[in-house]
Amino acid sequence: MEVALQALAIQNIHQTGPQTFEIVWNDGKVQSYFLPDLQASCGCASCSEEKKEPIEDVRAVKIVSVGRYGLKVFFTKGCSNGIYGYDFLYHFGSDS
């Protein structure tokens, strides 16, 4: 018997603090994200060539959806070029 895999999708996203937000996934899993850690894991061409330390007081100006596969976070400082794919976010977040 074949089991159909459900594509990852965000059901809800909301800010939980000045540097944190939470995603509720379509499978019911709820995860928290700390913006300095997320930014430090940026996979853009510039950042992937260097090891980055988290910027302590970084915040998000806005978070926008990129198609049906990822999020783009516009940070108050530092790099905002990365796109964070749903698969990456699903495994990166801390279970709430």
PDB file of N, CA and C in Angstrom:
ATOM      1  N   MET A   1       0.844  -1.171   0.000  1.00  0.00           N
ATOM      2  CA  MET A   1       0.000   0.000   0.000  1.00  0.00           C
ATOM      3  C   MET A   1       0.893   1.239   0.000  1.00  0.00           C
ATOM      4  N   GLU A   2       0.588   2.187  -0.896  1.00  0.00           N
ATOM      5  CA  GLU A   2       1.328   3.435  -0.963  1.00  0.00           C
ATOM      6  C   GLU A   2       0.698   4.473  -0.065  1.00  0.00           C
ATOM      7  N   VAL A   3       1.548   5.238   0.604  1.00  0.00           N
ATOM      8  CA  VAL A   3       1.071   6.318   1.461  1.00  0.00           C
ATOM      9  C   VAL A   3       1.409   7.636   0.764  1.00  0.00           C
ATOM     10  N   ALA A   4       0.413   8.466   0.553  1.00  0.00           N
ATOM     11  CA  ALA A   4       0.647   9.769  -0.068  1.00  0.00           C
ATOM     12  C   ALA A   4       1.285  10.707   0.947  1.00  0.00           C
ATOM     13  N   LEU A   5       2.369  11.331   0.546  1.00  0.00           N
ATOM     14  CA  LEU A   5       3.043  12.281   1.419  1.00  0.00           C
ATOM     15  C   LEU A   5       2.407  13.654   1.257  1.00  0.00           C
ATOM     16  N   GLN A   6       2.138  14.288   2.357  1.00  0.00           N
ATOM     17  CA  GLN A   6       1.538  15.617   2.344  1.00  0.00           C
ATOM     18  C   GLN A   6       2.656  16.645   2.194  1.00  0.00           C
ATOM     19  N   ALA A   7       2.495  17.567   1.265  1.00  0.00           N
ATOM     20  CA  ALA A   7       3.484  18.624   1.077  1.00  0.00           C
ATOM     21  C   ALA A   7       3.479  19.547   2.293  1.00  0.00           C
ATOM     22  N   LEU A   8       4.663  19.975   2.703  1.00  0.00           N
ATOM     23  CA  LEU A   8       4.767  20.911   3.825  1.00  0.00           C
ATOM     24  C   LEU A   8       4.137  22.245   3.445  1.00  0.00           C
ATOM     25  N   ALA A   9       3.377  22.785   4.360  1.00  0.00           N
ATOM     26  CA  ALA A   9       2.781  24.110   4.172  1.00  0.00           C
ATOM     27  C   ALA A   9       2.609  24.754   5.538  1.00  0.00           C
ATOM     28  N   ILE A  10       2.652  26.070   5.540  1.00  0.00           N
ATOM     29  CA  ILE A  10       2.449  26.817   6.778  1.00  0.00           C
ATOM     30  C   ILE A  10       0.963  27.086   6.952  1.00  0.00           C
ATOM     31  N   GLN A  11       0.452  26.673   8.087  1.00  0.00           N
ATOM     32  CA  GLN A  11      -0.950  26.932   8.414  1.00  0.00           C
ATOM     33  C   GLN A  11      -1.102  28.309   9.051  1.00  0.00           C
ATOM     34  N   ASN A  12      -0.112  28.674   9.906  1.00  0.00           N
ATOM     35  CA  ASN A  12      -0.171  29.955  10.610  1.00  0.00           C
ATOM     36  C   ASN A  12       1.251  30.354  10.999  1.00  0.00           C
ATOM     37  N   ILE A  13       1.502  31.642  10.999  1.00  0.00           N
ATOM     38  CA  ILE A  13       2.790  32.165  11.452  1.00  0.00           C
ATOM     39  C   ILE A  13       2.500  33.432  12.246  1.00  0.00           C
ATOM     40  N   HIS A  14       3.157  33.565  13.401  1.00  0.00           N
ATOM     41  CA  HIS A  14       2.931  34.766  14.201  1.00  0.00           C
ATOM     42  C   HIS A  14       4.139  35.062  15.089  1.00  0.00           C
ATOM     43  N   GLN A  15       4.287  36.335  15.396  1.00  0.00           N
ATOM     44  CA  GLN A  15       5.372  36.803  16.251  1.00  0.00           C
ATOM     45  C   GLN A  15       5.055  36.454  17.695  1.00  0.00           C
ATOM     46  N   THR A  16       6.048  35.927  18.406  1.00  0.00           N
ATOM     47  CA  THR A  16       5.851  35.572  19.812  1.00  0.00           C
ATOM     48  C   THR A  16       6.694  36.432  20.745  1.00  0.00           C
ATOM     49  N   GLY A  17       7.586  37.223  20.184  1.00  0.00           N
ATOM     50  CA  GLY A  17       8.442  38.118  20.961  1.00  0.00           C
ATOM     51  C   GLY A  17       9.234  38.987  20.014  1.00  0.00           C
ATOM     52  N   PRO A  18      10.046  39.903  20.543  1.00  0.00           N
ATOM     53  CA  PRO A  18      10.798  40.809  19.673  1.00  0.00           C
ATOM     54  C   PRO A  18      11.759  40.089  18.728  1.00  0.00           C
ATOM     55  N   GLN A  19      12.260  38.928  19.141  1.00  0.00           N
ATOM     56  CA  GLN A  19      13.214  38.191  18.314  1.00  0.00           C
ATOM     57  C   GLN A  19      12.754  36.768  18.007  1.00  0.00           C
ATOM     58  N   THR A  20      11.491  36.480  18.220  1.00  0.00           N
ATOM     59  CA  THR A  20      11.013  35.115  17.996  1.00  0.00           C
ATOM     60  C   THR A  20       9.687  35.116  17.230  1.00  0.00           C
ATOM     61  N   PHE A  21       9.486  34.033  16.490  1.00  0.00           N
ATOM     62  CA  PHE A  21       8.203  33.805  15.858  1.00  0.00           C
ATOM     63  C   PHE A  21       7.913  32.312  15.881  1.00  0.00           C
ATOM     64  N   GLU A  22       6.691  31.973  15.587  1.00  0.00           N
ATOM     65  CA  GLU A  22       6.240  30.590  15.668  1.00  0.00           C
ATOM     66  C   GLU A  22       5.517  30.223  14.370  1.00  0.00           C
ATOM     67  N   ILE A  23       5.736  29.011  13.924  1.00  0.00           N
ATOM     68  CA  ILE A  23       5.042  28.475  12.754  1.00  0.00           C
ATOM     69  C   ILE A  23       4.202  27.288  13.183  1.00  0.00           C
ATOM     70  N   VAL A  24       2.957  27.271  12.742  1.00  0.00           N
ATOM     71  CA  VAL A  24       2.092  26.098  12.872  1.00  0.00           C
ATOM     72  C   VAL A  24       2.045  25.472  11.482  1.00  0.00           C
ATOM     73  N   TRP A  25       2.546  24.244  11.377  1.00  0.00           N
ATOM     74  CA  TRP A  25       2.600  23.546  10.092  1.00  0.00           C
ATOM     75  C   TRP A  25       1.276  22.829   9.811  1.00  0.00           C
ATOM     76  N   ASN A  26       1.073  22.485   8.558  1.00  0.00           N
ATOM     77  CA  ASN A  26      -0.174  21.837   8.156  1.00  0.00           C
ATOM     78  C   ASN A  26      -0.342  20.429   8.743  1.00  0.00           C
ATOM     79  N   ASP A  27       0.709  19.865   9.320  1.00  0.00           N
ATOM     80  CA  ASP A  27       0.571  18.565   9.981  1.00  0.00           C
ATOM     81  C   ASP A  27       0.315  18.729  11.486  1.00  0.00           C
ATOM     82  N   GLY A  28       0.159  19.988  11.944  1.00  0.00           N
ATOM     83  CA  GLY A  28      -0.127  20.260  13.346  1.00  0.00           C
ATOM     84  C   GLY A  28       1.090  20.559  14.198  1.00  0.00           C
ATOM     85  N   LYS A  29       2.274  20.310  13.678  1.00  0.00           N
ATOM     86  CA  LYS A  29       3.497  20.580  14.427  1.00  0.00           C
ATOM     87  C   LYS A  29       3.655  22.090  14.619  1.00  0.00           C
ATOM     88  N   VAL A  30       4.044  22.498  15.842  1.00  0.00           N
ATOM     89  CA  VAL A  30       4.241  23.912  16.167  1.00  0.00           C
ATOM     90  C   VAL A  30       5.710  24.094  16.532  1.00  0.00           C
ATOM     91  N   GLN A  31       6.372  25.062  15.885  1.00  0.00           N
ATOM     92  CA  GLN A  31       7.790  25.279  16.131  1.00  0.00           C
ATOM     93  C   GLN A  31       8.089  26.752  16.339  1.00  0.00           C
ATOM     94  N   SER A  32       9.118  27.005  17.159  1.00  0.00           N
ATOM     95  CA  SER A  32       9.572  28.361  17.457  1.00  0.00           C
ATOM     96  C   SER A  32      10.910  28.608  16.768  1.00  0.00           C
ATOM     97  N   TYR A  33      11.143  29.879  16.434  1.00  0.00           N
ATOM     98  CA  TYR A  33      12.362  30.290  15.738  1.00  0.00           C
ATOM     99  C   TYR A  33      12.916  31.537  16.400  1.00  0.00           C
ATOM    100  N   PHE A  34      14.232  31.543  16.617  1.00  0.00           N
ATOM    101  CA  PHE A  34      14.944  32.672  17.201  1.00  0.00           C
ATOM    102  C   PHE A  34      15.673  33.371  16.053  1.00  0.00           C
ATOM    103  N   LEU A  35      15.305  34.616  15.773  1.00  0.00           N
ATOM    104  CA  LEU A  35      15.793  35.321  14.597  1.00  0.00           C
ATOM    105  C   LEU A  35      17.316  35.380  14.468  1.00  0.00           C
ATOM    106  N   PRO A  36      18.087  35.666  15.537  1.00  0.00           N
ATOM    107  CA  PRO A  36      19.537  35.677  15.374  1.00  0.00           C
ATOM    108  C   PRO A  36      20.094  34.325  14.892  1.00  0.00           C
ATOM    109  N   ASP A  37      19.561  33.226  15.395  1.00  0.00           N
ATOM    110  CA  ASP A  37      20.021  31.902  14.957  1.00  0.00           C
ATOM    111  C   ASP A  37      19.625  31.623  13.509  1.00  0.00           C
ATOM    112  N   LEU A  38      18.416  32.038  13.143  1.00  0.00           N
ATOM    113  CA  LEU A  38      17.956  31.827  11.772  1.00  0.00           C
ATOM    114  C   LEU A  38      18.827  32.612  10.805  1.00  0.00           C
ATOM    115  N   GLN A  39      19.093  33.870  11.119  1.00  0.00           N
ATOM    116  CA  GLN A  39      19.928  34.685  10.239  1.00  0.00           C
ATOM    117  C   GLN A  39      21.345  34.110  10.125  1.00  0.00           C
ATOM    118  N   ALA A  40      21.888  33.612  11.222  1.00  0.00           N
ATOM    119  CA  ALA A  40      23.245  33.042  11.207  1.00  0.00           C
ATOM    120  C   ALA A  40      23.330  31.796  10.330  1.00  0.00           C
ATOM    121  N   SER A  41      22.181  31.179  10.031  1.00  0.00           N
ATOM    122  CA  SER A  41      22.186  29.976   9.188  1.00  0.00           C
ATOM    123  C   SER A  41      21.826  30.297   7.735  1.00  0.00           C
ATOM    124  N   CYS A  42      21.901  31.576   7.361  1.00  0.00           N
ATOM    125  CA  CYS A  42      21.571  32.000   5.999  1.00  0.00           C
ATOM    126  C   CYS A  42      22.404  31.206   4.991  1.00  0.00           C
ATOM    127  N   GLY A  43      21.755  30.737   3.954  1.00  0.00           N
ATOM    128  CA  GLY A  43      22.439  29.935   2.941  1.00  0.00           C
ATOM    129  C   GLY A  43      22.683  30.673   1.640  1.00  0.00           C
ATOM    130  N   CYS A  44      22.571  32.006   1.643  1.00  0.00           N
ATOM    131  CA  CYS A  44      22.807  32.750   0.403  1.00  0.00           C
ATOM    132  C   CYS A  44      24.284  32.599  -0.004  1.00  0.00           C
ATOM    133  N   ALA A  45      24.601  32.976  -1.229  1.00  0.00           N
ATOM    134  CA  ALA A  45      25.961  32.818  -1.754  1.00  0.00           C
ATOM    135  C   ALA A  45      27.000  33.521  -0.901  1.00  0.00           C
ATOM    136  N   SER A  46      26.707  34.721  -0.423  1.00  0.00           N
ATOM    137  CA  SER A  46      27.676  35.464   0.390  1.00  0.00           C
ATOM    138  C   SER A  46      27.901  34.808   1.741  1.00  0.00           C
ATOM    139  N   CYS A  47      26.819  34.402   2.388  1.00  0.00           N
ATOM    140  CA  CYS A  47      26.916  33.856   3.746  1.00  0.00           C
ATOM    141  C   CYS A  47      27.437  32.425   3.777  1.00  0.00           C
ATOM    142  N   SER A  48      27.168  31.645   2.737  1.00  0.00           N
ATOM    143  CA  SER A  48      27.577  30.241   2.773  1.00  0.00           C
ATOM    144  C   SER A  48      29.094  30.092   2.695  1.00  0.00           C
ATOM    145  N   GLU A  49      29.778  31.150   2.293  1.00  0.00           N
ATOM    146  CA  GLU A  49      31.237  31.101   2.203  1.00  0.00           C
ATOM    147  C   GLU A  49      31.929  31.471   3.508  1.00  0.00           C
ATOM    148  N   GLU A  50      31.180  31.970   4.482  1.00  0.00           N
ATOM    149  CA  GLU A  50      31.784  32.377   5.755  1.00  0.00           C
ATOM    150  C   GLU A  50      30.953  31.866   6.926  1.00  0.00           C
ATOM    151  N   LYS A  51      31.609  31.594   8.013  1.00  0.00           N
ATOM    152  CA  LYS A  51      30.933  31.187   9.244  1.00  0.00           C
ATOM    153  C   LYS A  51      30.462  32.443   9.943  1.00  0.00           C
ATOM    154  N   LYS A  52      29.149  32.530  10.202  1.00  0.00           N
ATOM    155  CA  LYS A  52      28.593  33.736  10.806  1.00  0.00           C
ATOM    156  C   LYS A  52      28.182  33.481  12.248  1.00  0.00           C
ATOM    157  N   GLU A  53      28.425  34.467  13.067  1.00  0.00           N
ATOM    158  CA  GLU A  53      27.947  34.445  14.446  1.00  0.00           C
ATOM    159  C   GLU A  53      26.619  35.190  14.486  1.00  0.00           C
ATOM    160  N   PRO A  54      25.680  34.757  15.320  1.00  0.00           N
ATOM    161  CA  PRO A  54      24.404  35.465  15.418  1.00  0.00           C
ATOM    162  C   PRO A  54      24.588  36.921  15.862  1.00  0.00           C
ATOM    163  N   ILE A  55      23.808  37.821  15.276  1.00  0.00           N
ATOM    164  CA  ILE A  55      23.776  39.219  15.694  1.00  0.00           C
ATOM    165  C   ILE A  55      22.767  39.289  16.830  1.00  0.00           C
ATOM    166  N   GLU A  56      23.237  39.671  18.002  1.00  0.00           N
ATOM    167  CA  GLU A  56      22.432  39.602  19.227  1.00  0.00           C
ATOM    168  C   GLU A  56      21.062  40.270  19.150  1.00  0.00           C
ATOM    169  N   ASP A  57      21.004  41.498  18.657  1.00  0.00           N
ATOM    170  CA  ASP A  57      19.754  42.240  18.735  1.00  0.00           C
ATOM    171  C   ASP A  57      19.024  42.377  17.402  1.00  0.00           C
ATOM    172  N   VAL A  58      19.229  41.440  16.489  1.00  0.00           N
ATOM    173  CA  VAL A  58      18.570  41.499  15.185  1.00  0.00           C
ATOM    174  C   VAL A  58      17.078  41.177  15.327  1.00  0.00           C
ATOM    175  N   ARG A  59      16.280  41.869  14.549  1.00  0.00           N
ATOM    176  CA  ARG A  59      14.828  41.654  14.542  1.00  0.00           C
ATOM    177  C   ARG A  59      14.365  41.559  13.095  1.00  0.00           C
ATOM    178  N   ALA A  60      13.142  41.159  12.899  1.00  0.00           N
ATOM    179  CA  ALA A  60      12.581  41.085  11.551  1.00  0.00           C
ATOM    180  C   ALA A  60      11.738  42.313  11.271  1.00  0.00           C
ATOM    181  N   VAL A  61      11.955  42.926  10.118  1.00  0.00           N
ATOM    182  CA  VAL A  61      11.125  44.026   9.666  1.00  0.00           C
ATOM    183  C   VAL A  61       9.845  43.442   9.074  1.00  0.00           C
ATOM    184  N   LYS A  62      10.017  42.375   8.283  1.00  0.00           N
ATOM    185  CA  LYS A  62       8.876  41.646   7.733  1.00  0.00           C
ATOM    186  C   LYS A  62       9.326  40.265   7.288  1.00  0.00           C
ATOM    187  N   ILE A  63       8.353  39.372   7.196  1.00  0.00           N
ATOM    188  CA  ILE A  63       8.579  38.010   6.713  1.00  0.00           C
ATOM    189  C   ILE A  63       7.561  37.781   5.603  1.00  0.00           C
ATOM    190  N   VAL A  64       8.050  37.392   4.429  1.00  0.00           N
ATOM    191  CA  VAL A  64       7.152  37.191   3.293  1.00  0.00           C
ATOM    192  C   VAL A  64       7.294  35.771   2.738  1.00  0.00           C
ATOM    193  N   SER A  65       6.222  35.282   2.176  1.00  0.00           N
ATOM    194  CA  SER A  65       6.199  33.971   1.557  1.00  0.00           C
ATOM    195  C   SER A  65       6.883  34.039   0.201  1.00  0.00           C
ATOM    196  N   VAL A  66       7.646  33.010  -0.116  1.00  0.00           N
ATOM    197  CA  VAL A  66       8.273  32.882  -1.428  1.00  0.00           C
ATOM    198  C   VAL A  66       7.643  31.652  -2.076  1.00  0.00           C
ATOM    199  N   GLY A  67       6.699  31.890  -2.950  1.00  0.00           N
ATOM    200  CA  GLY A  67       5.982  30.785  -3.578  1.00  0.00           C
ATOM    201  C   GLY A  67       5.337  29.899  -2.534  1.00  0.00           C
ATOM    202  N   ARG A  68       5.383  28.603  -2.787  1.00  0.00           N
ATOM    203  CA  ARG A  68       4.837  27.619  -1.847  1.00  0.00           C
ATOM    204  C   ARG A  68       5.933  26.777  -1.219  1.00  0.00           C
ATOM    205  N   TYR A  69       7.140  27.362  -1.150  1.00  0.00           N
ATOM    206  CA  TYR A  69       8.267  26.562  -0.671  1.00  0.00           C
ATOM    207  C   TYR A  69       9.138  27.229   0.378  1.00  0.00           C
ATOM    208  N   GLY A  70       8.971  28.522   0.646  1.00  0.00           N
ATOM    209  CA  GLY A  70       9.887  29.137   1.584  1.00  0.00           C
ATOM    210  C   GLY A  70       9.456  30.496   2.082  1.00  0.00           C
ATOM    211  N   LEU A  71      10.301  31.045   2.963  1.00  0.00           N
ATOM    212  CA  LEU A  71      10.090  32.366   3.535  1.00  0.00           C
ATOM    213  C   LEU A  71      11.335  33.209   3.312  1.00  0.00           C
ATOM    214  N   LYS A  72      11.128  34.497   3.123  1.00  0.00           N
ATOM    215  CA  LYS A  72      12.221  35.459   3.067  1.00  0.00           C
ATOM    216  C   LYS A  72      12.028  36.388   4.263  1.00  0.00           C
ATOM    217  N   VAL A  73      13.091  36.553   5.037  1.00  0.00           N
ATOM    218  CA  VAL A  73      13.041  37.383   6.236  1.00  0.00           C
ATOM    219  C   VAL A  73      13.877  38.636   5.980  1.00  0.00           C
ATOM    220  N   PHE A  74      13.276  39.788   6.192  1.00  0.00           N
ATOM    221  CA  PHE A  74      13.977  41.051   6.078  1.00  0.00           C
ATOM    222  C   PHE A  74      14.369  41.476   7.498  1.00  0.00           C
ATOM    223  N   PHE A  75      15.670  41.377   7.785  1.00  0.00           N
ATOM    224  CA  PHE A  75      16.203  41.653   9.114  1.00  0.00           C
ATOM    225  C   PHE A  75      16.554  43.128   9.271  1.00  0.00           C
ATOM    226  N   THR A  76      16.598  43.613  10.523  1.00  0.00           N
ATOM    227  CA  THR A  76      16.932  45.010  10.792  1.00  0.00           C
ATOM    228  C   THR A  76      18.392  45.317  10.487  1.00  0.00           C
ATOM    229  N   LYS A  77      19.257  44.320  10.566  1.00  0.00           N
ATOM    230  CA  LYS A  77      20.666  44.491  10.199  1.00  0.00           C
ATOM    231  C   LYS A  77      21.237  43.151   9.806  1.00  0.00           C
ATOM    232  N   GLY A  78      22.369  43.197   9.105  1.00  0.00           N
ATOM    233  CA  GLY A  78      22.963  41.964   8.617  1.00  0.00           C
ATOM    234  C   GLY A  78      22.298  41.518   7.323  1.00  0.00           C
ATOM    235  N   CYS A  79      22.555  40.303   6.924  1.00  0.00           N
ATOM    236  CA  CYS A  79      22.084  39.771   5.648  1.00  0.00           C
ATOM    237  C   CYS A  79      20.575  39.479   5.652  1.00  0.00           C
ATOM    238  N   SER A  80      19.917  39.884   4.566  1.00  0.00           N
ATOM    239  CA  SER A  80      18.498  39.570   4.359  1.00  0.00           C
ATOM    240  C   SER A  80      18.291  38.915   2.992  1.00  0.00           C
ATOM    241  N   ASN A  81      19.353  38.323   2.433  1.00  0.00           N
ATOM    242  CA  ASN A  81      19.282  37.761   1.084  1.00  0.00           C
ATOM    243  C   ASN A  81      18.795  36.320   1.025  1.00  0.00           C
ATOM    244  N   GLY A  82      18.833  35.608   2.135  1.00  0.00           N
ATOM    245  CA  GLY A  82      18.504  34.188   2.124  1.00  0.00           C
ATOM    246  C   GLY A  82      17.015  33.907   1.993  1.00  0.00           C
ATOM    247  N   ILE A  83      16.732  32.762   1.399  1.00  0.00           N
ATOM    248  CA  ILE A  83      15.377  32.222   1.366  1.00  0.00           C
ATOM    249  C   ILE A  83      15.423  30.936   2.174  1.00  0.00           C
ATOM    250  N   TYR A  84      14.534  30.842   3.146  1.00  0.00           N
ATOM    251  CA  TYR A  84      14.509  29.697   4.053  1.00  0.00           C
ATOM    252  C   TYR A  84      13.398  28.759   3.609  1.00  0.00           C
ATOM    253  N   GLY A  85      13.792  27.651   2.997  1.00  0.00           N
ATOM    254  CA  GLY A  85      12.835  26.671   2.486  1.00  0.00           C
ATOM    255  C   GLY A  85      12.050  26.016   3.610  1.00  0.00           C
ATOM    256  N   TYR A  86      10.827  25.599   3.299  1.00  0.00           N
ATOM    257  CA  TYR A  86       9.983  24.949   4.297  1.00  0.00           C
ATOM    258  C   TYR A  86      10.661  23.720   4.895  1.00  0.00           C
ATOM    259  N   ASP A  87      11.323  22.922   4.059  1.00  0.00           N
ATOM    260  CA  ASP A  87      11.984  21.725   4.576  1.00  0.00           C
ATOM    261  C   ASP A  87      13.061  22.102   5.587  1.00  0.00           C
ATOM    262  N   PHE A  88      13.864  23.131   5.279  1.00  0.00           N
ATOM    263  CA  PHE A  88      14.879  23.607   6.211  1.00  0.00           C
ATOM    264  C   PHE A  88      14.235  24.087   7.511  1.00  0.00           C
ATOM    265  N   LEU A  89      13.205  24.941   7.387  1.00  0.00           N
ATOM    266  CA  LEU A  89      12.545  25.492   8.574  1.00  0.00           C
ATOM    267  C   LEU A  89      11.936  24.403   9.429  1.00  0.00           C
ATOM    268  N   TYR A  90      11.343  23.394   8.800  1.00  0.00           N
ATOM    269  CA  TYR A  90      10.694  22.303   9.521  1.00  0.00           C
ATOM    270  C   TYR A  90      11.675  21.560  10.414  1.00  0.00           C
ATOM    271  N   HIS A  91      12.924  21.418   9.930  1.00  0.00           N
ATOM    272  CA  HIS A  91      13.946  20.713  10.702  1.00  0.00           C
ATOM    273  C   HIS A  91      14.772  21.630  11.599  1.00  0.00           C
ATOM    274  N   PHE A  92      14.744  22.930  11.337  1.00  0.00           N
ATOM    275  CA  PHE A  92      15.536  23.899  12.092  1.00  0.00           C
ATOM    276  C   PHE A  92      14.832  24.366  13.366  1.00  0.00           C
ATOM    277  N   GLY A  93      13.536  24.463  13.330  1.00  0.00           N
ATOM    278  CA  GLY A  93      12.778  25.020  14.452  1.00  0.00           C
ATOM    279  C   GLY A  93      12.799  24.160  15.701  1.00  0.00           C
ATOM    280  N   SER A  94      12.517  24.804  16.823  1.00  0.00           N
ATOM    281  CA  SER A  94      12.400  24.113  18.117  1.00  0.00           C
ATOM    282  C   SER A  94      10.944  23.797  18.364  1.00  0.00           C
ATOM    283  N   ASP A  95      10.658  22.568  18.734  1.00  0.00           N
ATOM    284  CA  ASP A  95       9.272  22.186  19.015  1.00  0.00           C
ATOM    285  C   ASP A  95       8.744  22.971  20.192  1.00  0.00           C
ATOM    286  N   SER A  96       7.541  23.489  20.023  1.00  0.00           N
ATOM    287  CA  SER A  96       6.894  24.270  21.097  1.00  0.00           C
ATOM    288  C   SER A  96       6.033  23.383  21.960  1.00  0.00           C
TER     289      SER A  96
END
